[in-house]
N, C-alpha and C. Protein backbone atom coordinates (compact mmCIF):
# COMPACT_ATOMS: atom_id res chain seq x y z
N MET A 1 106.88 98.94 81.86
CA MET A 1 106.89 97.50 82.05
C MET A 1 106.30 97.18 83.42
N TYR A 2 105.61 96.06 83.50
CA TYR A 2 104.93 95.66 84.73
C TYR A 2 105.34 94.24 85.15
N LEU A 3 105.08 93.88 86.40
CA LEU A 3 105.44 92.55 86.90
C LEU A 3 104.89 91.45 86.00
N SER A 4 103.73 91.65 85.46
CA SER A 4 103.10 90.63 84.62
C SER A 4 103.88 90.39 83.33
N ASP A 5 104.80 91.29 82.97
CA ASP A 5 105.59 91.16 81.74
C ASP A 5 106.85 90.31 81.92
N LEU A 6 107.22 89.99 83.16
CA LEU A 6 108.44 89.22 83.41
C LEU A 6 108.31 87.79 82.90
N LYS A 7 109.45 87.23 82.50
CA LYS A 7 109.55 85.81 82.15
C LYS A 7 110.13 85.07 83.35
N VAL A 8 109.90 83.77 83.45
CA VAL A 8 110.42 82.98 84.57
C VAL A 8 111.94 83.12 84.64
N GLY A 9 112.44 83.42 85.85
CA GLY A 9 113.87 83.61 86.07
C GLY A 9 114.35 85.04 85.89
N GLN A 10 113.51 85.89 85.35
CA GLN A 10 113.88 87.29 85.10
C GLN A 10 113.71 88.11 86.37
N LYS A 11 114.64 89.05 86.59
CA LYS A 11 114.60 89.93 87.76
C LYS A 11 114.30 91.35 87.34
N ALA A 12 113.77 92.13 88.28
CA ALA A 12 113.46 93.54 88.04
C ALA A 12 113.46 94.28 89.37
N ILE A 13 113.35 95.59 89.28
CA ILE A 13 113.25 96.46 90.45
C ILE A 13 111.84 97.06 90.46
N VAL A 14 111.17 96.99 91.59
CA VAL A 14 109.82 97.54 91.73
C VAL A 14 109.91 99.07 91.77
N LEU A 15 109.06 99.72 91.00
CA LEU A 15 108.98 101.18 90.98
C LEU A 15 107.77 101.66 91.78
N GLN A 16 107.73 102.93 92.07
CA GLN A 16 106.57 103.53 92.74
C GLN A 16 105.40 103.52 91.78
N ALA A 17 104.27 103.00 92.20
CA ALA A 17 103.08 102.95 91.34
C ALA A 17 102.37 104.29 91.34
N SER A 18 101.80 104.64 90.19
CA SER A 18 101.07 105.89 90.09
C SER A 18 99.72 105.80 90.81
N LYS A 19 99.14 104.61 90.82
CA LYS A 19 97.89 104.37 91.55
C LYS A 19 98.25 103.74 92.89
N SER A 20 97.36 103.86 93.85
CA SER A 20 97.65 103.20 95.12
C SER A 20 97.39 101.71 94.96
N LEU A 21 98.34 100.93 95.45
CA LEU A 21 98.25 99.47 95.37
C LEU A 21 97.68 98.93 96.67
N PRO A 22 97.17 97.72 96.66
CA PRO A 22 96.67 97.13 97.90
C PRO A 22 97.78 97.06 98.97
N VAL A 23 97.42 97.34 100.20
CA VAL A 23 98.37 97.34 101.31
C VAL A 23 99.04 95.98 101.46
N LYS A 24 98.33 94.92 101.11
CA LYS A 24 98.91 93.58 101.28
C LYS A 24 100.18 93.40 100.45
N LEU A 25 100.30 94.11 99.32
CA LEU A 25 101.53 94.02 98.53
C LEU A 25 102.72 94.58 99.31
N TYR A 26 102.52 95.71 99.96
CA TYR A 26 103.59 96.30 100.76
C TYR A 26 103.92 95.40 101.95
N GLU A 27 102.90 94.81 102.55
CA GLU A 27 103.11 93.91 103.68
C GLU A 27 103.91 92.67 103.28
N MET A 28 103.77 92.25 102.02
CA MET A 28 104.50 91.09 101.54
C MET A 28 105.92 91.45 101.09
N GLY A 29 106.28 92.74 101.15
CA GLY A 29 107.64 93.16 100.81
C GLY A 29 107.80 93.72 99.42
N CYS A 30 106.72 93.90 98.71
CA CYS A 30 106.76 94.42 97.34
C CYS A 30 106.81 95.95 97.38
N MET A 31 107.95 96.47 97.82
CA MET A 31 108.13 97.91 98.03
C MET A 31 108.95 98.51 96.89
N PRO A 32 108.75 99.80 96.59
CA PRO A 32 109.59 100.46 95.58
C PRO A 32 111.06 100.33 95.93
N GLY A 33 111.87 99.98 94.92
CA GLY A 33 113.30 99.82 95.11
C GLY A 33 113.73 98.39 95.39
N GLU A 34 112.80 97.50 95.68
CA GLU A 34 113.13 96.11 95.98
C GLU A 34 113.32 95.31 94.69
N GLU A 35 114.28 94.39 94.73
CA GLU A 35 114.47 93.48 93.60
C GLU A 35 113.45 92.35 93.72
N ILE A 36 112.90 91.95 92.58
CA ILE A 36 111.89 90.90 92.55
C ILE A 36 112.19 89.98 91.37
N GLU A 37 111.93 88.70 91.55
CA GLU A 37 112.22 87.71 90.50
C GLU A 37 111.00 86.81 90.32
N LEU A 38 110.65 86.55 89.07
CA LEU A 38 109.54 85.64 88.79
C LEU A 38 110.05 84.21 88.84
N ASN A 39 109.51 83.42 89.76
CA ASN A 39 109.91 82.01 89.91
C ASN A 39 109.01 81.06 89.14
N TYR A 40 107.72 81.39 89.06
CA TYR A 40 106.77 80.49 88.42
C TYR A 40 105.56 81.28 87.95
N ALA A 41 105.06 80.90 86.79
CA ALA A 41 103.82 81.49 86.28
C ALA A 41 102.92 80.36 85.82
N ALA A 42 101.75 80.27 86.41
CA ALA A 42 100.79 79.23 86.03
C ALA A 42 100.25 79.51 84.63
N PRO A 43 99.89 78.47 83.90
CA PRO A 43 99.35 78.67 82.55
C PRO A 43 97.96 79.31 82.58
N PHE A 44 97.55 79.80 81.42
CA PHE A 44 96.21 80.36 81.22
C PHE A 44 95.95 81.56 82.15
N SER A 45 96.94 82.43 82.27
CA SER A 45 96.82 83.66 83.08
C SER A 45 96.53 83.36 84.55
N GLY A 46 97.05 82.24 85.03
CA GLY A 46 96.89 81.88 86.44
C GLY A 46 97.83 82.69 87.32
N PRO A 47 97.92 82.33 88.59
CA PRO A 47 98.76 83.08 89.54
C PRO A 47 100.23 83.05 89.16
N MET A 48 100.95 84.06 89.65
CA MET A 48 102.39 84.18 89.43
C MET A 48 103.07 84.14 90.78
N CYS A 49 104.23 83.50 90.85
CA CYS A 49 104.98 83.36 92.10
C CYS A 49 106.30 84.12 91.98
N PHE A 50 106.53 85.05 92.89
CA PHE A 50 107.72 85.91 92.86
C PHE A 50 108.56 85.71 94.11
N LEU A 51 109.86 85.90 93.97
CA LEU A 51 110.79 85.90 95.10
C LEU A 51 111.12 87.36 95.39
N VAL A 52 110.79 87.80 96.61
CA VAL A 52 111.10 89.16 97.03
C VAL A 52 111.54 89.12 98.49
N GLN A 53 112.65 89.74 98.80
CA GLN A 53 113.22 89.77 100.14
C GLN A 53 113.36 88.37 100.73
N GLY A 54 113.72 87.38 99.89
CA GLY A 54 113.93 86.02 100.37
C GLY A 54 112.65 85.23 100.62
N THR A 55 111.52 85.79 100.25
CA THR A 55 110.23 85.13 100.48
C THR A 55 109.49 84.95 99.16
N LEU A 56 108.85 83.82 98.98
CA LEU A 56 108.02 83.60 97.80
C LEU A 56 106.63 84.17 98.06
N ILE A 57 106.17 84.99 97.14
CA ILE A 57 104.81 85.52 97.24
C ILE A 57 104.07 85.19 95.94
N SER A 58 102.79 85.04 96.06
CA SER A 58 101.96 84.70 94.92
C SER A 58 100.91 85.78 94.73
N MET A 59 100.62 86.08 93.47
CA MET A 59 99.56 87.06 93.19
C MET A 59 98.94 86.75 91.84
N ARG A 60 97.72 87.21 91.68
CA ARG A 60 97.02 87.05 90.41
C ARG A 60 97.70 87.92 89.36
N LYS A 61 97.60 87.49 88.11
CA LYS A 61 98.19 88.25 87.02
C LYS A 61 97.58 89.65 86.94
N GLU A 62 96.30 89.78 87.24
CA GLU A 62 95.63 91.08 87.20
C GLU A 62 96.28 92.07 88.16
N LEU A 63 96.69 91.58 89.33
CA LEU A 63 97.36 92.43 90.31
C LEU A 63 98.78 92.75 89.86
N ALA A 64 99.47 91.77 89.28
CA ALA A 64 100.83 91.98 88.78
C ALA A 64 100.86 93.02 87.66
N GLN A 65 99.75 93.19 86.96
CA GLN A 65 99.67 94.17 85.88
C GLN A 65 99.62 95.61 86.41
N LEU A 66 99.46 95.78 87.72
CA LEU A 66 99.41 97.12 88.31
C LEU A 66 100.74 97.57 88.89
N VAL A 67 101.72 96.66 88.99
CA VAL A 67 102.99 96.97 89.67
C VAL A 67 104.06 97.29 88.62
N PRO A 68 104.47 98.58 88.54
CA PRO A 68 105.50 98.95 87.56
C PRO A 68 106.89 98.50 88.00
N ILE A 69 107.71 98.13 87.02
CA ILE A 69 109.07 97.65 87.30
C ILE A 69 110.05 98.29 86.32
N THR A 70 111.35 98.12 86.63
CA THR A 70 112.39 98.55 85.72
C THR A 70 113.49 97.50 85.71
N ASP A 71 114.43 97.66 84.82
CA ASP A 71 115.57 96.74 84.69
C ASP A 71 116.36 96.71 85.99
N PRO A 72 116.83 95.53 86.42
CA PRO A 72 117.57 95.44 87.69
C PRO A 72 118.90 96.17 87.66
N ASP A 73 119.40 96.54 86.49
CA ASP A 73 120.67 97.27 86.40
C ASP A 73 120.52 98.74 86.75
N VAL A 74 119.29 99.23 86.85
CA VAL A 74 119.04 100.61 87.25
C VAL A 74 119.16 100.68 88.76
N LYS A 75 120.19 101.34 89.25
CA LYS A 75 120.47 101.33 90.69
C LYS A 75 120.06 102.62 91.39
N SER A 76 119.40 103.52 90.69
CA SER A 76 119.07 104.81 91.31
C SER A 76 118.10 104.67 92.48
N LEU A 77 117.27 103.61 92.47
CA LEU A 77 116.30 103.42 93.55
C LEU A 77 116.80 102.50 94.64
N ARG A 78 117.93 101.83 94.39
CA ARG A 78 118.42 100.83 95.35
C ARG A 78 119.36 101.47 96.34
N ASN A 79 119.48 100.86 97.50
CA ASN A 79 120.34 101.37 98.56
C ASN A 79 121.69 100.66 98.60
N ASP A 80 122.24 100.30 97.42
CA ASP A 80 123.52 99.59 97.37
C ASP A 80 124.70 100.52 97.64
């Protein structure tokens, strides 16, 4: 499952990507183990807006299709 698969209001945990992702994603807080929530998705495959570490970030759907996620109930990657 990938970030692009989330529905508005749905939460997930970011997983380690098999491919290297753009550094700007890590700079925005989209790190493995972080909880992320989809706040808004523009129509017609437009940008998606996510809440991560208390900050809203926006990215193209094409980029969201590269970020693997898992169910937020999986706590093996979290530092809780």
